[in-house]
Amino acid sequence: MAERPRERLRQLGARQLGTAELLALLIGSGGSGHSAMALGFEIMRRCRGSLRALGSRPVAELTAIPGIGPARATVVHAALELARRWAEEAAGPRPSIRGPADVAAAVGPRLADLAAEELHVLILDSQHRMARDVTVTRGLLNSSPVHAREVFREAIAESAAAVVLVHNHPSGDPTPSADDLRVTADLMAAGRVLDIPVFDHVIIARGGHVSLAEHRLLGAREPGRHVGGAQRPGAPAGGGRSDAGRPARSAARA
């Protein structure tokens, strides 16, 4: 019975199954001499029993496990994403994004400790509420091409009023690089064509966060001057809101 999670689910319900059993159901059948249950246990062992850790790792890391190919790895990641979206719906109203402090509060805890860079786009509705958090790329911005179509595809589908770009610096230093500025300027130009403004680009790190809008670097292609005074986690929001209590859209036009 222990090797038959499908029957256990039908008889006892999904809540009675262990995480490895649920993973075994997603995997479907074993491979490379390993049963689906053995693969489920191996996945949990490698992520130290944490689904959060599993979800933060790239699909390629799962495929390093003998018996887990690209198809099975993508099914596992798809299930984790469905669970994350369900949790967002169950949590109630979506957070309002009025400034970089709100951005850091919404996604900072998840991004600050990642081992690799990720570029996210926060899709905002007309009330500046976060409708979606979409992961666009994983990897350094100067090594992973950032295509406007990938950034704005979901924004167009959601009829976004605006977007906010967010990415993390695993080094712990949120200071924007020349590549960060270049990518931001290119995406702002694409947003103007699509009539979907980029309100800000917030860089998250363990050492705090930096808002390009606050530092008037939106649209700039060169750092120009040193960016200091990163907002640290838990610190007062200070300049986190514009005078009008809206995302610092005016900085994009400066």
Protein backbone atom coordinates (compact mmCIF):
# COMPACT_ATOMS: atom_id res chain seq x y z
CA MET A 1 0.00 0.00 0.00
CA ALA A 2 2.90 2.32 0.74
CA GLU A 3 3.91 2.20 -2.94
CA ARG A 4 0.39 3.03 -4.16
CA PRO A 5 -0.24 6.70 -3.44
CA ARG A 6 -2.98 6.88 -6.09
CA GLU A 7 -5.09 4.32 -4.22
CA ARG A 8 -4.32 5.97 -0.87
CA LEU A 9 -5.49 9.32 -2.23
CA ARG A 10 -8.77 7.85 -3.49
CA GLN A 11 -9.44 6.10 -0.19
CA LEU A 12 -8.10 8.60 2.34
CA GLY A 13 -7.97 11.96 0.53
CA ALA A 14 -5.00 14.03 -0.60
CA ARG A 15 -4.42 15.59 2.84
CA GLN A 16 -3.47 12.19 4.25
CA LEU A 17 -0.60 11.69 1.80
CA GLY A 18 2.98 12.68 2.51
CA THR A 19 4.75 15.20 0.29
CA ALA A 20 6.89 12.48 -1.32
CA GLU A 21 3.72 10.55 -2.19
CA LEU A 22 2.16 13.60 -3.83
CA LEU A 23 5.35 14.13 -5.80
CA ALA A 24 5.23 10.48 -6.85
CA LEU A 25 1.75 11.05 -8.28
CA LEU A 26 3.06 13.98 -10.32
CA ILE A 27 6.04 11.95 -11.54
CA GLY A 28 3.68 9.16 -12.60
CA SER A 29 6.12 6.30 -13.11
CA GLY A 30 9.69 5.60 -12.20
CA GLY A 31 12.73 5.61 -14.43
CA SER A 32 16.37 4.56 -14.46
CA GLY A 33 15.62 1.72 -12.07
CA HIS A 34 13.89 3.94 -9.48
CA SER A 35 10.22 3.85 -8.49
CA ALA A 36 8.12 7.01 -8.49
CA MET A 37 8.05 6.89 -4.68
CA ALA A 38 11.86 6.63 -4.52
CA LEU A 39 12.12 9.65 -6.82
CA GLY A 40 9.67 11.58 -4.67
CA PHE A 41 11.76 10.90 -1.57
CA GLU A 42 14.96 11.84 -3.42
CA ILE A 43 13.48 15.17 -4.51
CA MET A 44 12.51 15.98 -0.93
CA ARG A 45 15.94 14.91 0.33
CA ARG A 46 17.70 17.23 -2.09
CA CYS A 47 15.58 20.22 -1.12
CA ARG A 48 15.82 19.29 2.59
CA GLY A 49 12.10 18.72 2.88
CA SER A 50 11.16 22.27 1.82
CA LEU A 51 8.68 22.88 -0.99
CA ARG A 52 9.70 26.55 -0.91
CA ALA A 53 13.29 25.52 -1.64
CA LEU A 54 12.11 23.18 -4.38
CA GLY A 55 10.11 25.94 -6.05
CA SER A 56 13.04 28.34 -6.01
CA ARG A 57 15.33 25.98 -7.91
CA PRO A 58 15.48 25.80 -11.71
CA VAL A 59 13.93 22.92 -13.66
CA ALA A 60 17.43 21.84 -14.75
CA GLU A 61 18.33 21.04 -11.15
CA LEU A 62 15.52 18.49 -10.95
CA THR A 63 16.64 16.84 -14.18
CA ALA A 64 20.01 16.13 -12.55
CA ILE A 65 18.23 13.42 -10.52
CA PRO A 66 18.44 10.08 -12.37
CA GLY A 67 14.95 9.17 -13.53
CA ILE A 68 13.66 12.78 -13.68
CA GLY A 69 13.57 14.09 -17.23
CA PRO A 70 12.49 17.53 -18.49
CA ALA A 71 8.82 16.48 -18.83
CA ARG A 72 8.53 15.27 -15.23
CA ALA A 73 10.49 18.24 -13.88
CA THR A 74 8.20 20.74 -15.62
CA VAL A 75 5.09 18.95 -14.27
CA VAL A 76 6.44 19.31 -10.72
CA HIS A 77 7.19 23.00 -11.23
CA ALA A 78 3.76 23.58 -12.82
CA ALA A 79 2.08 22.01 -9.78
CA LEU A 80 4.09 24.22 -7.43
CA GLU A 81 3.09 27.30 -9.40
CA LEU A 82 -0.60 26.31 -9.25
CA ALA A 83 -0.26 25.88 -5.48
CA ARG A 84 1.38 29.30 -5.20
CA ARG A 85 -1.44 30.97 -7.18
CA TRP A 86 -4.07 29.19 -5.09
CA ALA A 87 -2.36 30.47 -1.95
CA GLU A 88 -2.37 34.00 -3.35
CA GLU A 89 -6.11 33.82 -4.01
CA ALA A 90 -6.78 32.37 -0.56
CA ALA A 91 -4.75 35.14 1.06
CA GLY A 92 -7.40 37.70 0.10
CA PRO A 93 -6.93 41.13 -1.49
CA ARG A 94 -3.83 41.66 -3.60
CA PRO A 95 -1.24 44.05 -2.16
CA SER A 96 -1.19 47.66 -3.33
CA ILE A 97 2.10 48.81 -4.83
CA ARG A 98 2.53 52.50 -4.00
CA GLY A 99 6.31 52.62 -3.85
CA PRO A 100 9.50 50.54 -3.60
CA ALA A 101 8.90 49.67 0.06
CA ASP A 102 5.67 47.91 -0.99
CA VAL A 103 7.58 46.05 -3.72
CA ALA A 104 10.21 44.91 -1.24
CA ALA A 105 7.55 43.78 1.22
CA ALA A 106 5.69 41.81 -1.44
CA VAL A 107 8.58 39.93 -3.07
CA GLY A 108 11.72 40.74 -1.08
CA PRO A 109 11.55 37.81 1.38
CA ARG A 110 11.38 35.37 -1.53
CA LEU A 111 14.07 36.96 -3.72
CA ALA A 112 16.68 38.22 -1.27
CA ASP A 113 18.26 34.85 -0.52
CA LEU A 114 18.13 33.23 -3.96
CA ALA A 115 21.45 31.89 -5.22
CA ALA A 116 20.83 33.06 -8.82
CA GLU A 117 19.48 36.27 -10.29
CA GLU A 118 15.83 36.34 -11.29
CA LEU A 119 14.00 39.08 -13.18
CA HIS A 120 10.35 39.46 -12.24
CA VAL A 121 7.63 41.71 -13.58
CA LEU A 122 4.86 42.81 -11.21
CA ILE A 123 1.65 43.40 -13.13
CA LEU A 124 -0.44 46.23 -11.71
CA ASP A 125 -4.11 46.99 -12.24
CA SER A 126 -5.59 50.49 -12.49
CA GLN A 127 -5.71 50.72 -8.67
CA HIS A 128 -1.99 49.85 -8.43
CA ARG A 129 -2.77 46.44 -6.95
CA MET A 130 -0.44 43.58 -7.86
CA ALA A 131 -2.36 41.27 -10.16
CA ARG A 132 0.52 38.89 -10.91
CA ASP A 133 4.19 38.31 -10.13
CA VAL A 134 5.74 36.79 -13.25
CA THR A 135 9.26 35.32 -13.37
CA VAL A 136 10.80 36.35 -16.71
CA THR A 137 14.38 35.07 -16.57
CA ARG A 138 16.77 33.24 -14.30
CA GLY A 139 20.46 34.07 -14.60
CA LEU A 140 22.55 37.22 -14.88
CA LEU A 141 20.91 40.00 -16.87
CA ASN A 142 24.10 40.41 -18.91
CA SER A 143 24.14 36.71 -19.86
CA SER A 144 20.43 35.93 -20.26
CA PRO A 145 18.73 37.88 -23.05
CA VAL A 146 15.74 39.83 -21.77
CA HIS A 147 13.13 40.06 -24.51
CA ALA A 148 10.37 42.65 -24.25
CA ARG A 149 7.84 40.11 -25.53
CA GLU A 150 8.52 37.88 -22.51
CA VAL A 151 8.25 40.78 -20.08
CA PHE A 152 5.04 42.25 -21.51
CA ARG A 153 3.24 39.12 -22.75
CA GLU A 154 1.49 38.46 -19.43
CA ALA A 155 0.97 42.19 -18.87
CA ILE A 156 -0.93 42.42 -22.15
CA ALA A 157 -2.96 39.29 -21.32
CA GLU A 158 -3.90 40.76 -17.92
CA SER A 159 -4.73 44.22 -19.40
CA ALA A 160 -2.12 45.71 -17.10
CA ALA A 161 -2.24 49.41 -16.31
CA ALA A 162 1.50 49.40 -15.54
CA VAL A 163 4.36 47.12 -14.51
CA VAL A 164 7.19 47.20 -12.00
CA LEU A 165 10.43 45.36 -12.73
CA VAL A 166 12.15 43.55 -9.87
CA HIS A 167 15.31 41.49 -9.72
CA ASN A 168 17.70 40.28 -7.06
CA HIS A 169 21.45 40.58 -6.54
CA PRO A 170 22.75 37.37 -4.89
CA SER A 171 25.93 39.25 -3.93
CA GLY A 172 23.94 41.08 -1.23
CA ASP A 173 24.66 44.51 -2.75
CA PRO A 174 21.59 46.09 -4.43
CA THR A 175 23.59 48.76 -6.28
CA PRO A 176 22.41 48.81 -9.94
CA SER A 177 24.90 47.81 -12.61
CA ALA A 178 25.29 49.25 -16.11
CA ASP A 179 23.51 46.15 -17.45
CA ASP A 180 20.61 46.74 -15.05
CA LEU A 181 20.24 50.28 -16.39
CA ARG A 182 20.52 49.19 -20.02
CA VAL A 183 17.88 46.48 -19.67
CA THR A 184 15.56 48.90 -17.84
CA ALA A 185 15.92 51.58 -20.53
CA ASP A 186 15.17 49.05 -23.30
CA LEU A 187 12.07 47.75 -21.49
CA MET A 188 10.83 51.26 -20.76
CA ALA A 189 11.04 52.04 -24.49
CA ALA A 190 9.04 48.91 -25.28
CA GLY A 191 6.48 49.81 -22.62
CA ARG A 192 5.94 53.24 -24.18
CA VAL A 193 5.18 51.59 -27.52
CA LEU A 194 2.68 49.23 -25.84
CA ASP A 195 1.23 51.99 -23.61
CA ILE A 196 2.16 49.97 -20.52
CA PRO A 197 4.43 52.20 -18.43
CA VAL A 198 7.27 50.84 -16.33
CA PHE A 199 6.79 52.56 -12.98
CA ASP A 200 10.02 51.37 -11.37
CA HIS A 201 12.80 48.81 -11.31
CA VAL A 202 13.58 47.66 -7.77
CA ILE A 203 16.72 45.67 -7.00
CA ILE A 204 16.45 43.34 -4.00
CA ALA A 205 19.37 41.99 -1.96
CA ARG A 206 20.12 40.85 1.56
CA GLY A 207 21.61 44.31 2.15
CA GLY A 208 18.33 46.08 1.33
CA HIS A 209 16.75 47.35 -1.86
CA VAL A 210 17.33 50.14 -4.37
CA SER A 211 14.67 51.83 -6.50
CA LEU A 212 15.79 53.24 -9.84
CA ALA A 213 12.81 55.61 -9.77
CA GLU A 214 13.84 57.04 -6.40
CA HIS A 215 17.38 57.61 -7.67
CA ARG A 216 16.13 59.08 -10.96
CA LEU A 217 17.86 56.36 -12.95
CA LEU A 218 14.84 55.13 -14.90
CA GLY A 219 15.77 55.35 -18.57
CA ALA A 220 19.44 56.07 -17.84
CA ARG A 221 22.00 53.89 -19.63
CA GLU A 222 25.00 54.82 -17.48
CA PRO A 223 25.25 54.76 -13.67
CA GLY A 224 26.37 58.42 -13.73
CA ARG A 225 26.91 58.55 -10.00
CA HIS A 226 27.22 56.18 -7.05
CA VAL A 227 23.92 54.97 -5.69
CA GLY A 228 24.08 54.75 -1.93
CA GLY A 229 21.66 54.56 0.93
CA ALA A 230 19.98 51.28 0.06
CA GLN A 231 16.74 50.85 1.99
CA ARG A 232 17.33 48.03 4.45
CA PRO A 233 14.70 45.44 5.33
CA GLY A 234 12.40 46.73 8.05
CA ALA A 235 13.61 50.31 7.76
CA PRO A 236 11.13 53.19 7.36
CA ALA A 237 10.01 53.67 3.78
CA GLY A 238 11.33 57.23 3.62
CA GLY A 239 11.12 58.14 -0.04
CA GLY A 240 9.21 54.97 -0.89
CA ARG A 241 6.20 56.99 -2.10
CA SER A 242 5.94 59.84 -4.47
CA ASP A 243 4.37 63.09 -3.32
CA ALA A 244 1.07 62.01 -4.80
CA GLY A 245 1.12 58.67 -2.98
CA ARG A 246 1.58 56.84 -6.28
CA PRO A 247 4.45 54.87 -7.80
CA ALA A 248 7.13 57.32 -8.89
CA ARG A 249 5.91 57.53 -12.46
CA SER A 250 7.15 61.07 -12.87
CA ALA A 251 10.71 59.80 -12.53
CA ALA A 252 10.23 57.81 -15.70
CA ARG A 253 9.65 61.05 -17.56
CA ALA A 254 12.56 62.93 -16.01
